[in-house]
Amino acid sequence: MGLREDLTAMRLEREAKRNPEWVRIMHKATDDLGDSGIRDRVLKPGSAAPQFALSNARGEMRDSREWLAKGPLVLCFYRGVW
């Protein structure tokens, strides 16, 4: 089995343990997001990201230019509580 099949099996196993209405709502939200055209607007691998400023975990503002001056920049996004 490949990675895609493993992930699908894991998702189906977890969904089977959840409230079917919640699963329906999650799938609808995912479908709505896909239908919004967002996939056409995301950065592609290797694309340059726009300059930005964000607050760090301590609430301090950080500008992407300050980090890029030191070398390549990698961003990690963590999903919040749903």
PDB file of N, CA and C in Angstrom:
ATOM      1  N   MET A   1       0.841  -1.173   0.000  1.00  0.00           N
ATOM      2  CA  MET A   1       0.000   0.000   0.000  1.00  0.00           C
ATOM      3  C   MET A   1       0.894   1.247   0.000  1.00  0.00           C
ATOM      4  N   GLY A   2       0.513   2.257  -0.768  1.00  0.00           N
ATOM      5  CA  GLY A   2       1.274   3.495  -0.826  1.00  0.00           C
ATOM      6  C   GLY A   2       0.815   4.486   0.234  1.00  0.00           C
ATOM      7  N   LEU A   3       1.509   5.601   0.301  1.00  0.00           N
ATOM      8  CA  LEU A   3       1.193   6.627   1.295  1.00  0.00           C
ATOM      9  C   LEU A   3      -0.236   7.129   1.153  1.00  0.00           C
ATOM     10  N   ARG A   4      -0.661   7.398  -0.076  1.00  0.00           N
ATOM     11  CA  ARG A   4      -2.017   7.911  -0.284  1.00  0.00           C
ATOM     12  C   ARG A   4      -3.056   6.924   0.239  1.00  0.00           C
ATOM     13  N   GLU A   5      -2.854   5.653  -0.044  1.00  0.00           N
ATOM     14  CA  GLU A   5      -3.799   4.633   0.426  1.00  0.00           C
ATOM     15  C   GLU A   5      -3.771   4.514   1.949  1.00  0.00           C
ATOM     16  N   ASP A   6      -2.570   4.601   2.533  1.00  0.00           N
ATOM     17  CA  ASP A   6      -2.451   4.547   3.997  1.00  0.00           C
ATOM     18  C   ASP A   6      -3.198   5.710   4.644  1.00  0.00           C
ATOM     19  N   LEU A   7      -3.011   6.902   4.095  1.00  0.00           N
ATOM     20  CA  LEU A   7      -3.678   8.078   4.654  1.00  0.00           C
ATOM     21  C   LEU A   7      -5.192   7.986   4.507  1.00  0.00           C
ATOM     22  N   THR A   8      -5.657   7.487   3.375  1.00  0.00           N
ATOM     23  CA  THR A   8      -7.097   7.321   3.165  1.00  0.00           C
ATOM     24  C   THR A   8      -7.662   6.327   4.173  1.00  0.00           C
ATOM     25  N   ALA A   9      -6.962   5.219   4.377  1.00  0.00           N
ATOM     26  CA  ALA A   9      -7.417   4.207   5.335  1.00  0.00           C
ATOM     27  C   ALA A   9      -7.477   4.789   6.744  1.00  0.00           C
ATOM     28  N   MET A  10      -6.474   5.575   7.133  1.00  0.00           N
ATOM     29  CA  MET A  10      -6.463   6.198   8.455  1.00  0.00           C
ATOM     30  C   MET A  10      -7.628   7.173   8.603  1.00  0.00           C
ATOM     31  N   ARG A  11      -7.872   7.974   7.557  1.00  0.00           N
ATOM     32  CA  ARG A  11      -8.970   8.947   7.609  1.00  0.00           C
ATOM     33  C   ARG A  11     -10.307   8.231   7.760  1.00  0.00           C
ATOM     34  N   LEU A  12     -10.526   7.198   6.975  1.00  0.00           N
ATOM     35  CA  LEU A  12     -11.789   6.456   7.038  1.00  0.00           C
ATOM     36  C   LEU A  12     -11.986   5.791   8.400  1.00  0.00           C
ATOM     37  N   GLU A  13     -10.908   5.273   8.964  1.00  0.00           N
ATOM     38  CA  GLU A  13     -10.987   4.638  10.283  1.00  0.00           C
ATOM     39  C   GLU A  13     -11.379   5.664  11.348  1.00  0.00           C
ATOM     40  N   ARG A  14     -10.777   6.841  11.283  1.00  0.00           N
ATOM     41  CA  ARG A  14     -11.113   7.885  12.262  1.00  0.00           C
ATOM     42  C   ARG A  14     -12.518   8.413  12.053  1.00  0.00           C
ATOM     43  N   GLU A  15     -12.911   8.599  10.799  1.00  0.00           N
ATOM     44  CA  GLU A  15     -14.260   9.099  10.520  1.00  0.00           C
ATOM     45  C   GLU A  15     -15.326   8.131  11.009  1.00  0.00           C
ATOM     46  N   ALA A  16     -15.047   6.844  10.951  1.00  0.00           N
ATOM     47  CA  ALA A  16     -16.023   5.839  11.385  1.00  0.00           C
ATOM     48  C   ALA A  16     -16.327   5.956  12.876  1.00  0.00           C
ATOM     49  N   LYS A  17     -15.411   6.568  13.633  1.00  0.00           N
ATOM     50  CA  LYS A  17     -15.583   6.705  15.080  1.00  0.00           C
ATOM     51  C   LYS A  17     -16.214   8.039  15.463  1.00  0.00           C
ATOM     52  N   ARG A  18     -16.435   8.901  14.480  1.00  0.00           N
ATOM     53  CA  ARG A  18     -16.973  10.238  14.771  1.00  0.00           C
ATOM     54  C   ARG A  18     -18.464  10.298  14.469  1.00  0.00           C
ATOM     55  N   ASN A  19     -19.077  11.322  15.005  1.00  0.00           N
ATOM     56  CA  ASN A  19     -20.480  11.601  14.731  1.00  0.00           C
ATOM     57  C   ASN A  19     -20.638  11.821  13.219  1.00  0.00           C
ATOM     58  N   PRO A  20     -21.513  11.057  12.546  1.00  0.00           N
ATOM     59  CA  PRO A  20     -21.665  11.184  11.093  1.00  0.00           C
ATOM     60  C   PRO A  20     -22.020  12.609  10.638  1.00  0.00           C
ATOM     61  N   GLU A  21     -22.757  13.346  11.451  1.00  0.00           N
ATOM     62  CA  GLU A  21     -23.104  14.724  11.087  1.00  0.00           C
ATOM     63  C   GLU A  21     -21.855  15.602  11.078  1.00  0.00           C
ATOM     64  N   TRP A  22     -20.965  15.404  12.042  1.00  0.00           N
ATOM     65  CA  TRP A  22     -19.716  16.171  12.073  1.00  0.00           C
ATOM     66  C   TRP A  22     -18.870  15.857  10.840  1.00  0.00           C
ATOM     67  N   VAL A  23     -18.824  14.591  10.486  1.00  0.00           N
ATOM     68  CA  VAL A  23     -18.050  14.178   9.307  1.00  0.00           C
ATOM     69  C   VAL A  23     -18.633  14.840   8.055  1.00  0.00           C
ATOM     70  N   ARG A  24     -19.957  14.850   7.948  1.00  0.00           N
ATOM     71  CA  ARG A  24     -20.608  15.489   6.805  1.00  0.00           C
ATOM     72  C   ARG A  24     -20.254  16.974   6.746  1.00  0.00           C
ATOM     73  N   ILE A  25     -20.288  17.649   7.893  1.00  0.00           N
ATOM     74  CA  ILE A  25     -19.966  19.073   7.952  1.00  0.00           C
ATOM     75  C   ILE A  25     -18.506  19.312   7.548  1.00  0.00           C
ATOM     76  N   MET A  26     -17.597  18.478   8.039  1.00  0.00           N
ATOM     77  CA  MET A  26     -16.178  18.631   7.686  1.00  0.00           C
ATOM     78  C   MET A  26     -15.959  18.438   6.186  1.00  0.00           C
ATOM     79  N   HIS A  27     -16.616  17.433   5.612  1.00  0.00           N
ATOM     80  CA  HIS A  27     -16.466  17.186   4.171  1.00  0.00           C
ATOM     81  C   HIS A  27     -17.060  18.337   3.357  1.00  0.00           C
ATOM     82  N   LYS A  28     -18.199  18.859   3.812  1.00  0.00           N
ATOM     83  CA  LYS A  28     -18.795  19.979   3.104  1.00  0.00           C
ATOM     84  C   LYS A  28     -17.882  21.196   3.152  1.00  0.00           C
ATOM     85  N   ALA A  29     -17.295  21.472   4.315  1.00  0.00           N
ATOM     86  CA  ALA A  29     -16.381  22.610   4.442  1.00  0.00           C
ATOM     87  C   ALA A  29     -15.170  22.435   3.532  1.00  0.00           C
ATOM     88  N   THR A  30     -14.657  21.223   3.458  1.00  0.00           N
ATOM     89  CA  THR A  30     -13.517  20.946   2.574  1.00  0.00           C
ATOM     90  C   THR A  30     -13.908  21.135   1.114  1.00  0.00           C
ATOM     91  N   ASP A  31     -15.079  20.621   0.742  1.00  0.00           N
ATOM     92  CA  ASP A  31     -15.562  20.784  -0.635  1.00  0.00           C
ATOM     93  C   ASP A  31     -15.791  22.255  -0.969  1.00  0.00           C
ATOM     94  N   ASP A  32     -16.396  22.992  -0.033  1.00  0.00           N
ATOM     95  CA  ASP A  32     -16.640  24.422  -0.256  1.00  0.00           C
ATOM     96  C   ASP A  32     -15.335  25.176  -0.451  1.00  0.00           C
ATOM     97  N   LEU A  33     -14.339  24.844   0.333  1.00  0.00           N
ATOM     98  CA  LEU A  33     -13.041  25.495   0.204  1.00  0.00           C
ATOM     99  C   LEU A  33     -12.427  25.192  -1.163  1.00  0.00           C
ATOM    100  N   GLY A  34     -12.488  23.938  -1.584  1.00  0.00           N
ATOM    101  CA  GLY A  34     -11.980  23.569  -2.908  1.00  0.00           C
ATOM    102  C   GLY A  34     -12.738  24.262  -4.021  1.00  0.00           C
ATOM    103  N   ASP A  35     -14.051  24.364  -3.875  1.00  0.00           N
ATOM    104  CA  ASP A  35     -14.888  25.016  -4.895  1.00  0.00           C
ATOM    105  C   ASP A  35     -14.659  26.524  -4.963  1.00  0.00           C
ATOM    106  N   SER A  36     -14.061  27.096  -3.914  1.00  0.00           N
ATOM    107  CA  SER A  36     -13.847  28.549  -3.870  1.00  0.00           C
ATOM    108  C   SER A  36     -12.768  29.010  -4.846  1.00  0.00           C
ATOM    109  N   GLY A  37     -11.990  28.062  -5.382  1.00  0.00           N
ATOM    110  CA  GLY A  37     -10.907  28.424  -6.289  1.00  0.00           C
ATOM    111  C   GLY A  37      -9.600  28.705  -5.576  1.00  0.00           C
ATOM    112  N   ILE A  38      -9.537  28.407  -4.291  1.00  0.00           N
ATOM    113  CA  ILE A  38      -8.342  28.709  -3.509  1.00  0.00           C
ATOM    114  C   ILE A  38      -7.098  28.001  -4.058  1.00  0.00           C
ATOM    115  N   ARG A  39      -7.285  26.817  -4.615  1.00  0.00           N
ATOM    116  CA  ARG A  39      -6.134  26.066  -5.142  1.00  0.00           C
ATOM    117  C   ARG A  39      -5.431  26.815  -6.265  1.00  0.00           C
ATOM    118  N   ASP A  40      -6.187  27.646  -6.989  1.00  0.00           N
ATOM    119  CA  ASP A  40      -5.604  28.410  -8.088  1.00  0.00           C
ATOM    120  C   ASP A  40      -4.838  29.631  -7.594  1.00  0.00           C
ATOM    121  N   ARG A  41      -5.015  29.988  -6.313  1.00  0.00           N
ATOM    122  CA  ARG A  41      -4.390  31.203  -5.778  1.00  0.00           C
ATOM    123  C   ARG A  41      -3.228  30.927  -4.828  1.00  0.00           C
ATOM    124  N   VAL A  42      -2.981  29.677  -4.490  1.00  0.00           N
ATOM    125  CA  VAL A  42      -1.898  29.377  -3.557  1.00  0.00           C
ATOM    126  C   VAL A  42      -0.552  29.419  -4.277  1.00  0.00           C
ATOM    127  N   LEU A  43       0.498  29.676  -3.497  1.00  0.00           N
ATOM    128  CA  LEU A  43       1.840  29.673  -4.069  1.00  0.00           C
ATOM    129  C   LEU A  43       2.220  28.258  -4.470  1.00  0.00           C
ATOM    130  N   LYS A  44       2.878  28.148  -5.569  1.00  0.00           N
ATOM    131  CA  LYS A  44       3.356  26.846  -6.043  1.00  0.00           C
ATOM    132  C   LYS A  44       4.742  26.585  -5.455  1.00  0.00           C
ATOM    133  N   PRO A  45       5.140  25.315  -5.340  1.00  0.00           N
ATOM    134  CA  PRO A  45       6.483  25.013  -4.825  1.00  0.00           C
ATOM    135  C   PRO A  45       7.547  25.774  -5.620  1.00  0.00           C
ATOM    136  N   GLY A  46       8.470  26.379  -4.902  1.00  0.00           N
ATOM    137  CA  GLY A  46       9.551  27.131  -5.534  1.00  0.00           C
ATOM    138  C   GLY A  46       9.220  28.588  -5.786  1.00  0.00           C
ATOM    139  N   SER A  47       7.961  28.989  -5.583  1.00  0.00           N
ATOM    140  CA  SER A  47       7.569  30.385  -5.794  1.00  0.00           C
ATOM    141  C   SER A  47       8.093  31.252  -4.657  1.00  0.00           C
ATOM    142  N   ALA A  48       8.335  32.503  -4.972  1.00  0.00           N
ATOM    143  CA  ALA A  48       8.747  33.454  -3.938  1.00  0.00           C
ATOM    144  C   ALA A  48       7.505  33.937  -3.193  1.00  0.00           C
ATOM    145  N   ALA A  49       7.577  33.918  -1.882  1.00  0.00           N
ATOM    146  CA  ALA A  49       6.465  34.398  -1.061  1.00  0.00           C
ATOM    147  C   ALA A  49       6.516  35.920  -0.984  1.00  0.00           C
ATOM    148  N   PRO A  50       5.371  36.558  -0.832  1.00  0.00           N
ATOM    149  CA  PRO A  50       5.383  38.015  -0.649  1.00  0.00           C
ATOM    150  C   PRO A  50       6.001  38.366   0.710  1.00  0.00           C
ATOM    151  N   GLN A  51       6.519  39.574   0.839  1.00  0.00           N
ATOM    152  CA  GLN A  51       7.037  40.017   2.123  1.00  0.00           C
ATOM    153  C   GLN A  51       5.874  40.133   3.096  1.00  0.00           C
ATOM    154  N   PHE A  52       6.153  39.871   4.380  1.00  0.00           N
ATOM    155  CA  PHE A  52       5.103  39.905   5.377  1.00  0.00           C
ATOM    156  C   PHE A  52       5.695  40.193   6.746  1.00  0.00           C
ATOM    157  N   ALA A  53       4.851  40.564   7.664  1.00  0.00           N
ATOM    158  CA  ALA A  53       5.214  40.724   9.070  1.00  0.00           C
ATOM    159  C   ALA A  53       4.157  39.997   9.895  1.00  0.00           C
ATOM    160  N   LEU A  54       4.609  39.182  10.834  1.00  0.00           N
ATOM    161  CA  LEU A  54       3.715  38.409  11.699  1.00  0.00           C
ATOM    162  C   LEU A  54       4.231  38.466  13.122  1.00  0.00           C
ATOM    163  N   SER A  55       3.353  38.253  14.076  1.00  0.00           N
ATOM    164  CA  SER A  55       3.809  38.186  15.462  1.00  0.00           C
ATOM    165  C   SER A  55       4.232  36.754  15.778  1.00  0.00           C
ATOM    166  N   ASN A  56       5.279  36.638  16.597  1.00  0.00           N
ATOM    167  CA  ASN A  56       5.742  35.314  16.995  1.00  0.00           C
ATOM    168  C   ASN A  56       4.961  34.847  18.221  1.00  0.00           C
ATOM    169  N   ALA A  57       5.375  33.734  18.814  1.00  0.00           N
ATOM    170  CA  ALA A  57       4.661  33.157  19.955  1.00  0.00           C
ATOM    171  C   ALA A  57       4.658  34.083  21.166  1.00  0.00           C
ATOM    172  N   ARG A  58       5.601  35.031  21.219  1.00  0.00           N
ATOM    173  CA  ARG A  58       5.668  35.985  22.336  1.00  0.00           C
ATOM    174  C   ARG A  58       4.976  37.299  22.005  1.00  0.00           C
ATOM    175  N   GLY A  59       4.329  37.361  20.842  1.00  0.00           N
ATOM    176  CA  GLY A  59       3.625  38.569  20.442  1.00  0.00           C
ATOM    177  C   GLY A  59       4.519  39.630  19.823  1.00  0.00           C
ATOM    178  N   GLU A  60       5.768  39.298  19.559  1.00  0.00           N
ATOM    179  CA  GLU A  60       6.710  40.246  18.957  1.00  0.00           C
ATOM    180  C   GLU A  60       6.579  40.191  17.438  1.00  0.00           C
ATOM    181  N   MET A  61       6.534  41.351  16.812  1.00  0.00           N
ATOM    182  CA  MET A  61       6.423  41.392  15.351  1.00  0.00           C
ATOM    183  C   MET A  61       7.753  41.005  14.718  1.00  0.00           C
ATOM    184  N   ARG A  62       7.679  40.180  13.700  1.00  0.00           N
ATOM    185  CA  ARG A  62       8.852  39.760  12.945  1.00  0.00           C
ATOM    186  C   ARG A  62       8.563  39.993  11.470  1.00  0.00           C
ATOM    187  N   ASP A  63       9.529  40.534  10.778  1.00  0.00           N
ATOM    188  CA  ASP A  63       9.398  40.839   9.355  1.00  0.00           C
ATOM    189  C   ASP A  63      10.179  39.797   8.556  1.00  0.00           C
ATOM    190  N   SER A  64       9.589  39.312   7.485  1.00  0.00           N
ATOM    191  CA  SER A  64      10.248  38.279   6.682  1.00  0.00           C
ATOM    192  C   SER A  64      11.592  38.747   6.141  1.00  0.00           C
ATOM    193  N   ARG A  65      11.725  40.039   5.894  1.00  0.00           N
ATOM    194  CA  ARG A  65      12.998  40.551   5.347  1.00  0.00           C
ATOM    195  C   ARG A  65      14.149  40.356   6.334  1.00  0.00           C
ATOM    196  N   GLU A  66      13.863  40.488   7.629  1.00  0.00           N
ATOM    197  CA  GLU A  66      14.939  40.309   8.617  1.00  0.00           C
ATOM    198  C   GLU A  66      15.449  38.864   8.608  1.00  0.00           C
ATOM    199  N   TRP A  67      14.544  37.924   8.415  1.00  0.00           N
ATOM    200  CA  TRP A  67      14.950  36.511   8.393  1.00  0.00           C
ATOM    201  C   TRP A  67      15.596  36.146   7.066  1.00  0.00           C
ATOM    202  N   LEU A  68      15.073  36.666   5.953  1.00  0.00           N
ATOM    203  CA  LEU A  68      15.650  36.358   4.641  1.00  0.00           C
ATOM    204  C   LEU A  68      17.062  36.916   4.507  1.00  0.00           C
ATOM    205  N   ALA A  69      17.367  37.975   5.225  1.00  0.00           N
ATOM    206  CA  ALA A  69      18.721  38.531   5.196  1.00  0.00           C
ATOM    207  C   ALA A  69      19.730  37.544   5.784  1.00  0.00           C
ATOM    208  N   LYS A  70      19.248  36.616   6.605  1.00  0.00           N
ATOM    209  CA  LYS A  70      20.123  35.616   7.234  1.00  0.00           C
ATOM    210  C   LYS A  70      20.235  34.342   6.409  1.00  0.00           C
ATOM    211  N   GLY A  71      19.353  34.170   5.411  1.00  0.00           N
ATOM    212  CA  GLY A  71      19.378  32.958   4.594  1.00  0.00           C
ATOM    213  C   GLY A  71      17.965  32.510   4.263  1.00  0.00           C
ATOM    214  N   PRO A  72      17.820  31.295   3.743  1.00  0.00           N
ATOM    215  CA  PRO A  72      16.489  30.788   3.367  1.00  0.00           C
ATOM    216  C   PRO A  72      15.546  30.758   4.563  1.00  0.00           C
ATOM    217  N   LEU A  73      14.282  30.926   4.267  1.00  0.00           N
ATOM    218  CA  LEU A  73      13.248  30.997   5.297  1.00  0.00           C
ATOM    219  C   LEU A  73      12.245  29.871   5.083  1.00  0.00           C
ATOM    220  N   VAL A  74      11.946  29.151   6.145  1.00  0.00           N
ATOM    221  CA  VAL A  74      10.937  28.088   6.105  1.00  0.00           C
ATOM    222  C   VAL A  74       9.825  28.463   7.070  1.00  0.00           C
ATOM    223  N   LEU A  75       8.597  28.415   6.595  1.00  0.00           N
ATOM    224  CA  LEU A  75       7.441  28.734   7.435  1.00  0.00           C
ATOM    225  C   LEU A  75       6.683  27.465   7.777  1.00  0.00           C
ATOM    226  N   CYS A  76       6.232  27.379   9.004  1.00  0.00           N
ATOM    227  CA  CYS A  76       5.383  26.274   9.438  1.00  0.00           C
ATOM    228  C   CYS A  76       4.084  26.872   9.943  1.00  0.00           C
ATOM    229  N   PHE A  77       2.982  26.339   9.495  1.00  0.00           N
ATOM    230  CA  PHE A  77       1.672  26.805   9.927  1.00  0.00           C
ATOM    231  C   PHE A  77       1.023  25.714  10.755  1.00  0.00           C
ATOM    232  N   TYR A  78       0.498  26.094  11.893  1.00  0.00           N
ATOM    233  CA  TYR A  78      -0.173  25.150  12.773  1.00  0.00           C
ATOM    234  C   TYR A  78      -1.650  25.516  12.839  1.00  0.00           C
ATOM    235  N   ARG A  79      -2.463  24.543  12.585  1.00  0.00           N
ATOM    236  CA  ARG A  79      -3.912  24.749  12.628  1.00  0.00           C
ATOM    237  C   ARG A  79      -4.333  24.993  14.062  1.00  0.00           C
ATOM    238  N   GLY A  80      -5.225  25.935  14.239  1.00  0.00           N
ATOM    239  CA  GLY A  80      -5.736  26.237  15.574  1.00  0.00           C
ATOM    240  C   GLY A  80      -6.830  25.259  15.968  1.00  0.00           C
ATOM    241  N   VAL A  81      -7.432  25.508  17.089  1.00  0.00           N
ATOM    242  CA  VAL A  81      -8.518  24.664  17.578  1.00  0.00           C
ATOM    243  C   VAL A  81      -9.754  24.899  16.735  1.00  0.00           C
ATOM    244  N   TRP A  82     -10.429  23.847  16.336  1.00  0.00           N
ATOM    245  CA  TRP A  82     -11.643  23.962  15.532  1.00  0.00           C
ATOM    246  C   TRP A  82     -12.828  23.891  16.435  1.00  0.00           C
TER     247      TRP A  82
END
